[in-house]
C-alpha atoms as a PDB file:
ATOM      1  CA  MET A   1      70.359  53.123  93.968  1.00  0.00           C
ATOM      2  CA  SER A   2      67.542  54.010  96.326  1.00  0.00           C
ATOM      3  CA  LEU A   3      67.259  53.655 100.078  1.00  0.00           C
ATOM      4  CA  THR A   4      64.212  53.980 102.280  1.00  0.00           C
ATOM      5  CA  VAL A   5      64.722  54.911 105.916  1.00  0.00           C
ATOM      6  CA  ALA A   6      61.843  55.658 108.283  1.00  0.00           C
ATOM      7  CA  GLY A   7      59.519  56.352 105.411  1.00  0.00           C
ATOM      8  CA  LEU A   8      61.951  58.658 103.573  1.00  0.00           C
ATOM      9  CA  SER A   9      63.249  57.630 100.208  1.00  0.00           C
ATOM     10  CA  VAL A  10      66.738  58.686  99.141  1.00  0.00           C
ATOM     11  CA  ILE A  11      68.005  58.216  95.620  1.00  0.00           C
ATOM     12  CA  ALA A  12      71.760  58.178  95.064  1.00  0.00           C
ATOM     13  CA  SER A  13      73.683  58.116  91.843  1.00  0.00           C
ATOM     14  CA  PRO A  14      77.287  57.015  91.489  1.00  0.00           C
ATOM     15  CA  ALA A  15      79.797  59.873  91.302  1.00  0.00           C
ATOM     16  CA  ALA A  16      82.353  60.014  88.541  1.00  0.00           C
ATOM     17  CA  ALA A  17      85.828  59.000  89.683  1.00  0.00           C
ATOM     18  CA  ASN A  18      87.345  62.262  88.514  1.00  0.00           C
ATOM     19  CA  ALA A  19      84.543  64.580  89.616  1.00  0.00           C
ATOM     20  CA  SER A  20      85.663  67.821  91.202  1.00  0.00           C
ATOM     21  CA  PRO A  21      83.832  69.556  94.029  1.00  0.00           C
ATOM     22  CA  VAL A  22      81.247  72.106  93.007  1.00  0.00           C
ATOM     23  CA  ARG A  23      81.942  75.650  94.229  1.00  0.00           C
ATOM     24  CA  SER A  24      79.525  78.473  94.424  1.00  0.00           C
ATOM     25  CA  GLU A  25      80.250  81.296  92.020  1.00  0.00           C
ATOM     26  CA  ASN A  26      79.471  83.773  94.790  1.00  0.00           C
ATOM     27  CA  ALA A  27      82.797  85.537  95.508  1.00  0.00           C
ATOM     28  CA  SER A  28      82.074  85.985  99.209  1.00  0.00           C
ATOM     29  CA  SER A  29      81.521  82.251  99.677  1.00  0.00           C
ATOM     30  CA  ILE A  30      84.801  81.493  97.897  1.00  0.00           C
ATOM     31  CA  VAL A  31      86.685  83.837 100.213  1.00  0.00           C
ATOM     32  CA  ALA A  32      84.898  82.359 103.223  1.00  0.00           C
ATOM     33  CA  ASP A  33      86.087  78.895 102.167  1.00  0.00           C
ATOM     34  CA  GLU A  34      89.725  79.984 102.348  1.00  0.00           C
ATOM     35  CA  PRO A  35      91.722  79.655 105.569  1.00  0.00           C
ATOM     36  CA  PRO A  36      92.196  82.889 107.523  1.00  0.00           C
ATOM     37  CA  ASN A  37      95.321  84.895 106.733  1.00  0.00           C
ATOM     38  CA  ARG A  38      96.035  85.587 110.413  1.00  0.00           C
ATOM     39  CA  THR A  39      98.167  82.962 112.093  1.00  0.00           C
ATOM     40  CA  PRO A  40     100.062  83.060 115.397  1.00  0.00           C
ATOM     41  CA  ALA A  41     103.220  83.705 113.360  1.00  0.00           C
ATOM     42  CA  ASN A  42     101.939  86.963 111.868  1.00  0.00           C
ATOM     43  CA  ILE A  43      99.964  88.476 114.722  1.00  0.00           C
ATOM     44  CA  SER A  44     101.574  91.803 115.444  1.00  0.00           C
ATOM     45  CA  ARG A  45     103.715  92.646 118.425  1.00  0.00           C
ATOM     46  CA  SER A  46     102.902  95.268 121.004  1.00  0.00           C
ATOM     47  CA  CYS A  47     104.697  98.553 121.535  1.00  0.00           C
ATOM     48  CA  GLU A  48     108.194  98.308 123.005  1.00  0.00           C
ATOM     49  CA  SER A  49     108.968  95.326 120.755  1.00  0.00           C
ATOM     50  CA  GLU A  50     112.645  94.743 120.035  1.00  0.00           C
ATOM     51  CA  PRO A  51     113.322  91.828 117.704  1.00  0.00           C
ATOM     52  CA  TYR A  52     116.761  90.238 117.499  1.00  0.00           C
ATOM     53  CA  THR A  53     116.545  89.476 113.760  1.00  0.00           C
ATOM     54  CA  ASN A  54     119.053  91.413 111.648  1.00  0.00           C
ATOM     55  CA  GLY A  55     118.596  90.673 107.977  1.00  0.00           C
ATOM     56  CA  PRO A  56     119.590  92.345 104.727  1.00  0.00           C
ATOM     57  CA  GLY A  57     118.011  95.357 103.105  1.00  0.00           C
ATOM     58  CA  GLY A  58     117.210  98.918 103.884  1.00  0.00           C
ATOM     59  CA  ALA A  59     114.812 101.731 103.134  1.00  0.00           C
ATOM     60  CA  THR A  60     114.749 105.459 102.470  1.00  0.00           C
ATOM     61  CA  VAL A  61     112.460 107.812 104.408  1.00  0.00           C
ATOM     62  CA  GLU A  62     109.879 109.380 102.064  1.00  0.00           C
ATOM     63  CA  LYS A  63     108.495 112.032 104.429  1.00  0.00           C
ATOM     64  CA  ALA A  64     109.677 113.625 107.668  1.00  0.00           C
ATOM     65  CA  ILE A  65     108.677 111.188 110.420  1.00  0.00           C
ATOM     66  CA  TRP A  66     110.055 109.486 113.531  1.00  0.00           C
ATOM     67  CA  LEU A  67     110.676 105.871 114.448  1.00  0.00           C
ATOM     68  CA  ARG A  68     108.296 104.201 116.916  1.00  0.00           C
ATOM     69  CA  ASP A  69     108.831 101.671 119.707  1.00  0.00           C
ATOM     70  CA  GLY A  70     106.488  99.119 118.114  1.00  0.00           C
ATOM     71  CA  PRO A  71     104.750  98.232 114.847  1.00  0.00           C
ATOM     72  CA  GLY A  72     101.675 100.432 115.165  1.00  0.00           C
ATOM     73  CA  GLN A  73     100.551 104.033 114.934  1.00  0.00           C
ATOM     74  CA  GLY A  74      99.641 104.053 118.634  1.00  0.00           C
ATOM     75  CA  CYS A  75     103.228 103.316 119.704  1.00  0.00           C
ATOM     76  CA  ASN A  76     105.533 106.015 121.079  1.00  0.00           C
ATOM     77  CA  SER A  77     108.237 107.800 119.110  1.00  0.00           C
ATOM     78  CA  VAL A  78     111.830 106.820 119.890  1.00  0.00           C
ATOM     79  CA  THR A  79     113.747 109.329 117.755  1.00  0.00           C
ATOM     80  CA  ALA A  80     113.736 112.920 116.718  1.00  0.00           C
ATOM     81  CA  THR A  81     112.089 113.503 113.363  1.00  0.00           C
ATOM     82  CA  LEU A  82     113.918 111.805 110.503  1.00  0.00           C
ATOM     83  CA  ARG A  83     114.336 113.910 107.380  1.00  0.00           C
ATOM     84  CA  LYS A  84     113.078 112.836 103.982  1.00  0.00           C
ATOM     85  CA  GLY A  85     115.894 110.968 102.227  1.00  0.00           C
ATOM     86  CA  THR A  86     117.399 109.499 105.424  1.00  0.00           C
ATOM     87  CA  ARG A  87     118.756 106.024 104.693  1.00  0.00           C
ATOM     88  CA  LEU A  88     117.724 103.317 107.165  1.00  0.00           C
ATOM     89  CA  GLY A  89     119.333  99.946 107.736  1.00  0.00           C
ATOM     90  CA  GLY A  90     116.698  97.233 107.573  1.00  0.00           C
ATOM     91  CA  TRP A  91     116.596  94.506 110.209  1.00  0.00           C
ATOM     92  CA  CYS A  92     113.239  92.782 109.689  1.00  0.00           C
ATOM     93  CA  TYR A  93     109.505  93.291 109.144  1.00  0.00           C
ATOM     94  CA  ASP A  94     106.291  92.432 110.978  1.00  0.00           C
ATOM     95  CA  TYR A  95     102.581  93.212 110.770  1.00  0.00           C
ATOM     96  CA  SER A  96     100.471  95.618 112.813  1.00  0.00           C
ATOM     97  CA  ASN A  97      97.102  94.594 114.247  1.00  0.00           C
ATOM     98  CA  ALA A  98      95.579  96.180 111.141  1.00  0.00           C
ATOM     99  CA  GLY A  99      97.672  93.919 108.885  1.00  0.00           C
ATOM    100  CA  ASN A 100     100.029  96.674 107.697  1.00  0.00           C
ATOM    101  CA  ILE A 101     103.724  95.996 107.168  1.00  0.00           C
ATOM    102  CA  TRP A 102     106.151  97.743 109.530  1.00  0.00           C
ATOM    103  CA  TYR A 103     109.945  97.605 109.343  1.00  0.00           C
ATOM    104  CA  TYR A 104     112.342  97.409 112.278  1.00  0.00           C
ATOM    105  CA  VAL A 105     115.281  99.585 111.254  1.00  0.00           C
ATOM    106  CA  SER A 106     118.344 101.448 112.451  1.00  0.00           C
ATOM    107  CA  VAL A 107     119.546 104.894 111.467  1.00  0.00           C
ATOM    108  CA  GLY A 108     122.857 104.711 109.635  1.00  0.00           C
ATOM    109  CA  GLY A 109     123.436 101.117 110.747  1.00  0.00           C
ATOM    110  CA  ALA A 110     123.531 101.992 114.453  1.00  0.00           C
ATOM    111  CA  ALA A 111     121.225 103.044 117.278  1.00  0.00           C
ATOM    112  CA  PRO A 112     118.616 104.341 117.520  1.00  0.00           C
ATOM    113  CA  HIS A 113     116.512 101.409 116.392  1.00  0.00           C
ATOM    114  CA  GLY A 114     112.788 101.583 115.863  1.00  0.00           C
ATOM    115  CA  TRP A 115     109.767 100.800 113.744  1.00  0.00           C
ATOM    116  CA  ILE A 116     108.542 102.621 110.641  1.00  0.00           C
ATOM    117  CA  TYR A 117     105.399 102.025 108.585  1.00  0.00           C
ATOM    118  CA  SER A 118     106.057 100.662 105.089  1.00  0.00           C
ATOM    119  CA  GLY A 119     104.059 103.485 103.482  1.00  0.00           C
ATOM    120  CA  ASN A 120     106.568 106.039 104.779  1.00  0.00           C
ATOM    121  CA  VAL A 121     109.619 104.549 103.057  1.00  0.00           C
ATOM    122  CA  SER A 122     110.791 103.443  99.632  1.00  0.00           C
ATOM    123  CA  ASP A 123     112.785 100.289  98.887  1.00  0.00           C
ATOM    124  CA  GLY A 124     111.364  98.565 101.973  1.00  0.00           C
ATOM    125  CA  HIS A 125     110.753  95.423  99.928  1.00  0.00           C
ATOM    126  CA  THR A 126     114.498  94.733 100.264  1.00  0.00           C
ATOM    127  CA  ILE A 127     113.925  93.987 103.979  1.00  0.00           C
ATOM    128  CA  THR A 128     113.092  90.315 103.621  1.00  0.00           C
ATOM    129  CA  TYR A 129     113.540  88.750 107.070  1.00  0.00           C
ATOM    130  CA  ARG A 130     110.508  88.225 109.302  1.00  0.00           C
ATOM    131  CA  CYS A 131     111.130  89.554 112.833  1.00  0.00           C
ATOM    132  CA  GLN A 132     111.936  87.034 115.561  1.00  0.00           C
ATOM    133  CA  TYR A 133     111.517  87.916 119.234  1.00  0.00           C
END
C-alpha cells in the first residue's frame, strides 16, 4: 500500500498478526523503558517516623550501633549503643531516600523503638510487613 500526502510518498506493509514489538538491544534503553521503581508507597519517611505496623520477625545486631528516630543515616539516635548480638523484635520495614531498607524494631520486645539499617543486622529478611503510618 502506498499513500501520497503533500508530495510525500509513504509505503506501508501489512504487519503480521502475531508480530511482537522490536526492542533495542541497548541495555540502557531497555531500563529506560521500564516504569520507575519509586512510587508514593515506597518513598521514605522523614526522621521522627513512628509507624503503627507490628508484624512478625526480628533481627540480630551485627555491630555495635544505636537505633535512630527515622529510616536514614541523618536521623538522630534514640538509644544507647546496642551491643553486637542484641536481639531485636521486628515491627516493619521501609526505604530511605537512597533506596536502602531500614527496619523499625524494638529492643527485647519493648521500648525503646527505633530504626536500624538492614546492613547492620542479620535475619532482617524475617521482617516482612511494610510500615504503615
